[in-house]
Structures are given as structure tokens and as C-alpha cells.
Amino acid sequence: MPITSSLVVSFAIGIIVGTLFVYKKSGSYGKNRQHREKEKRKALIMDLFATRFEVRNNDVERMFAVSDATATNYLSELEAEGKVRQVGSRGRFVTYEKIKG
């Protein structure tokens, strides 16, 4: 019994749609997008150091309209990556400086 081309096309479309559904359902689609956005924002924070000696948490909050916790996370990740260092221990006197190198 010959297989018709429409059956083959329907089967191929079903495989593609099913794969996309599983990919989106697994959450990796959103996580990749969020990761790219975070990395882009961290790069923009590093660009601030081209015109400033120091950056404060509030600068990052205003720049991206994010919460204090999110701004702190961005700066902490940059610090962990060895790109910036924290000056001061807590409160409004904490600033971040770019590590030369």
C-alpha cells in the first residue's frame, strides 16, 4: 500500500510541532531568553564604567527599572566573575569599582 505525500508531510509537521511543544514545556526556552537578557544587562552595567569610576546599586535599579534585590544580584554576579569589586560593606555607601585587567 503506497504512502501518500500528504501523510508524510502531516507526519513531519506533527514531529516538528511536538518537538517545539516539548522544548517550550521544558522551560529551557524561557531560561535561555532570561539568561541572554541578564548577560546583556550585565554588559551594559560594565559599559557604565567607561564614563564612571563607580556604580551604585541604585544606578542599576534606575537603569533597568528592577528591584533592589535584582540589581544586587547583577552586581554580585559581576563581582563573582572578577569584573568588579565592592567598596564598603553595606547600605547606601556601598559602591562597585571596575577591576582593571
Foldseek 3Di string as FASTA:
>chain_A
DDDDPVNVVVVVVVVVVVVVVVCVVVVPVVVVVVVVVLVVLLVVVLVVVVPDQKAFLVNSCVVVVDDSVVSVVSVVVCVVVVQWDWDDDDDPVIIIGGDDD
